[in-house]
């Protein structure tokens, strides 16, 4: 990840956080909708980062899986199970989306 990419990503996160924190001045302190924007950002990050982690893991595993399957195709079922294992990260992110 280059320095420019890190700067763009950090500024995007800060911009999204700023929009989540933006409130009207006449909001009552006990209003339940005060943190609605931050909750939406948290839900998006929970599912989005879980999906990114899964994609990154499966890309690395998938390339190894193709090489191993080319050498010995009898182990394809076991290798497929290892390939699908990171998909649980998305399931956990989806669960966190509903728990937030």
C-alpha atoms as a PDB file:
ATOM      1  CA  UNK A   1       0.000   0.000   0.000  1.00  0.00           C
ATOM      2  CA  UNK A   2       1.548   3.246  -1.109  1.00  0.00           C
ATOM      3  CA  UNK A   3       1.701   6.400   0.971  1.00  0.00           C
ATOM      4  CA  UNK A   4      -0.812   8.130  -1.293  1.00  0.00           C
ATOM      5  CA  UNK A   5      -3.305   5.289  -0.882  1.00  0.00           C
ATOM      6  CA  UNK A   6      -2.964   5.471   2.897  1.00  0.00           C
ATOM      7  CA  UNK A   7      -3.585   9.215   2.874  1.00  0.00           C
ATOM      8  CA  UNK A   8      -6.657   8.868   0.664  1.00  0.00           C
ATOM      9  CA  UNK A   9      -8.038   6.066   2.827  1.00  0.00           C
ATOM     10  CA  UNK A  10      -7.463   8.015   6.048  1.00  0.00           C
ATOM     11  CA  UNK A  11      -9.105  11.141   4.647  1.00  0.00           C
ATOM     12  CA  UNK A  12     -12.096   9.096   3.458  1.00  0.00           C
ATOM     13  CA  UNK A  13     -12.547   7.588   6.918  1.00  0.00           C
ATOM     14  CA  UNK A  14     -12.271  10.998   8.556  1.00  0.00           C
ATOM     15  CA  UNK A  15     -14.787  12.480   6.115  1.00  0.00           C
ATOM     16  CA  UNK A  16     -17.269   9.699   6.810  1.00  0.00           C
ATOM     17  CA  UNK A  17     -16.775  10.114  10.546  1.00  0.00           C
ATOM     18  CA  UNK A  18     -17.325  13.861  10.278  1.00  0.00           C
ATOM     19  CA  UNK A  19     -20.629  13.325   8.489  1.00  0.00           C
ATOM     20  CA  UNK A  20     -21.667  10.866  11.169  1.00  0.00           C
ATOM     21  CA  UNK A  21     -20.888  13.371  13.906  1.00  0.00           C
ATOM     22  CA  UNK A  22     -22.647  16.283  12.187  1.00  0.00           C
ATOM     23  CA  UNK A  23     -25.703  17.273  14.243  1.00  0.00           C
ATOM     24  CA  UNK A  24     -28.117  20.107  14.523  1.00  0.00           C
ATOM     25  CA  UNK A  25     -27.621  22.489  17.421  1.00  0.00           C
ATOM     26  CA  UNK A  26     -31.135  22.086  18.792  1.00  0.00           C
ATOM     27  CA  UNK A  27     -30.983  18.326  19.365  1.00  0.00           C
ATOM     28  CA  UNK A  28     -32.172  17.143  22.758  1.00  0.00           C
ATOM     29  CA  UNK A  29     -29.470  15.299  24.722  1.00  0.00           C
ATOM     30  CA  UNK A  30     -31.676  12.243  25.334  1.00  0.00           C
ATOM     31  CA  UNK A  31     -32.698  11.807  21.699  1.00  0.00           C
ATOM     32  CA  UNK A  32     -32.183   8.234  20.513  1.00  0.00           C
ATOM     33  CA  UNK A  33     -31.244   9.329  16.988  1.00  0.00           C
ATOM     34  CA  UNK A  34     -28.106  11.273  17.973  1.00  0.00           C
ATOM     35  CA  UNK A  35     -25.690   8.512  17.082  1.00  0.00           C
ATOM     36  CA  UNK A  36     -27.633   7.103  14.144  1.00  0.00           C
ATOM     37  CA  UNK A  37     -24.949   8.143  11.653  1.00  0.00           C
ATOM     38  CA  UNK A  38     -22.143   6.579  13.662  1.00  0.00           C
ATOM     39  CA  UNK A  39     -24.131   3.379  14.039  1.00  0.00           C
ATOM     40  CA  UNK A  40     -24.575   3.206  10.266  1.00  0.00           C
ATOM     41  CA  UNK A  41     -20.834   3.742   9.737  1.00  0.00           C
ATOM     42  CA  UNK A  42     -20.055   1.030  12.287  1.00  0.00           C
ATOM     43  CA  UNK A  43     -22.375  -1.409  10.552  1.00  0.00           C
ATOM     44  CA  UNK A  44     -20.817  -0.654   7.194  1.00  0.00           C
ATOM     45  CA  UNK A  45     -17.304  -1.080   8.545  1.00  0.00           C
ATOM     46  CA  UNK A  46     -18.213  -4.354  10.264  1.00  0.00           C
ATOM     47  CA  UNK A  47     -19.440  -5.952   7.070  1.00  0.00           C
ATOM     48  CA  UNK A  48     -17.073  -4.181   4.676  1.00  0.00           C
ATOM     49  CA  UNK A  49     -13.854  -4.969   6.529  1.00  0.00           C
ATOM     50  CA  UNK A  50     -14.953  -8.566   7.060  1.00  0.00           C
ATOM     51  CA  UNK A  51     -15.567  -8.898   3.321  1.00  0.00           C
ATOM     52  CA  UNK A  52     -12.197  -7.315   2.501  1.00  0.00           C
ATOM     53  CA  UNK A  53     -10.417  -9.685   4.885  1.00  0.00           C
ATOM     54  CA  UNK A  54     -12.175 -12.647   3.359  1.00  0.00           C
ATOM     55  CA  UNK A  55     -11.339 -11.584  -0.172  1.00  0.00           C
ATOM     56  CA  UNK A  56      -7.696 -11.077   0.701  1.00  0.00           C
ATOM     57  CA  UNK A  57      -7.455 -14.465   2.426  1.00  0.00           C
ATOM     58  CA  UNK A  58      -9.268 -16.327  -0.329  1.00  0.00           C
ATOM     59  CA  UNK A  59      -7.118 -14.776  -3.033  1.00  0.00           C
ATOM     60  CA  UNK A  60      -3.990 -16.136  -1.400  1.00  0.00           C
ATOM     61  CA  UNK A  61      -5.528 -19.513  -0.639  1.00  0.00           C
ATOM     62  CA  UNK A  62      -7.066 -19.798  -4.113  1.00  0.00           C
ATOM     63  CA  UNK A  63      -3.773 -19.456  -5.920  1.00  0.00           C
ATOM     64  CA  UNK A  64      -2.226 -22.119  -3.698  1.00  0.00           C
ATOM     65  CA  UNK A  65      -5.281 -24.327  -4.169  1.00  0.00           C
ATOM     66  CA  UNK A  66      -4.945 -24.296  -7.944  1.00  0.00           C
ATOM     67  CA  UNK A  67      -1.292 -25.297  -7.724  1.00  0.00           C
ATOM     68  CA  UNK A  68      -1.972 -28.086  -5.232  1.00  0.00           C
ATOM     69  CA  UNK A  69      -4.946 -29.379  -7.215  1.00  0.00           C
ATOM     70  CA  UNK A  70      -2.828 -29.464 -10.374  1.00  0.00           C
ATOM     71  CA  UNK A  71      -0.327 -31.743  -8.633  1.00  0.00           C
ATOM     72  CA  UNK A  72      -2.812 -34.071  -6.902  1.00  0.00           C
ATOM     73  CA  UNK A  73      -6.481 -33.844  -7.852  1.00  0.00           C
ATOM     74  CA  UNK A  74      -7.545 -36.467  -5.302  1.00  0.00           C
ATOM     75  CA  UNK A  75      -7.249 -33.903  -2.470  1.00  0.00           C
ATOM     76  CA  UNK A  76      -9.565 -31.380  -4.119  1.00  0.00           C
ATOM     77  CA  UNK A  77     -12.358 -31.882  -1.540  1.00  0.00           C
ATOM     78  CA  UNK A  78     -10.038 -31.160   1.390  1.00  0.00           C
ATOM     79  CA  UNK A  79      -8.546 -28.178  -0.377  1.00  0.00           C
ATOM     80  CA  UNK A  80     -11.983 -26.776  -1.164  1.00  0.00           C
ATOM     81  CA  UNK A  81     -12.851 -26.930   2.540  1.00  0.00           C
ATOM     82  CA  UNK A  82      -9.723 -24.900   3.351  1.00  0.00           C
ATOM     83  CA  UNK A  83     -10.674 -22.412   0.626  1.00  0.00           C
ATOM     84  CA  UNK A  84     -14.147 -21.887   2.107  1.00  0.00           C
ATOM     85  CA  UNK A  85     -12.931 -21.516   5.703  1.00  0.00           C
ATOM     86  CA  UNK A  86     -12.258 -17.736   5.516  1.00  0.00           C
ATOM     87  CA  UNK A  87     -15.862 -17.206   4.431  1.00  0.00           C
ATOM     88  CA  UNK A  88     -16.743 -17.422   8.129  1.00  0.00           C
ATOM     89  CA  UNK A  89     -15.250 -13.936   8.481  1.00  0.00           C
ATOM     90  CA  UNK A  90     -18.087 -12.520   6.393  1.00  0.00           C
ATOM     91  CA  UNK A  91     -20.604 -14.462   8.455  1.00  0.00           C
ATOM     92  CA  UNK A  92     -19.153 -12.954  11.630  1.00  0.00           C
ATOM     93  CA  UNK A  93     -19.236  -9.482  10.059  1.00  0.00           C
ATOM     94  CA  UNK A  94     -22.846 -10.037   9.021  1.00  0.00           C
ATOM     95  CA  UNK A  95     -23.652 -11.108  12.583  1.00  0.00           C
ATOM     96  CA  UNK A  96     -21.941  -7.994  13.971  1.00  0.00           C
ATOM     97  CA  UNK A  97     -24.007  -5.905  11.568  1.00  0.00           C
ATOM     98  CA  UNK A  98     -27.180  -7.071  13.292  1.00  0.00           C
ATOM     99  CA  UNK A  99     -25.732  -6.880  16.808  1.00  0.00           C
ATOM    100  CA  UNK A 100     -24.731  -3.222  16.465  1.00  0.00           C
END
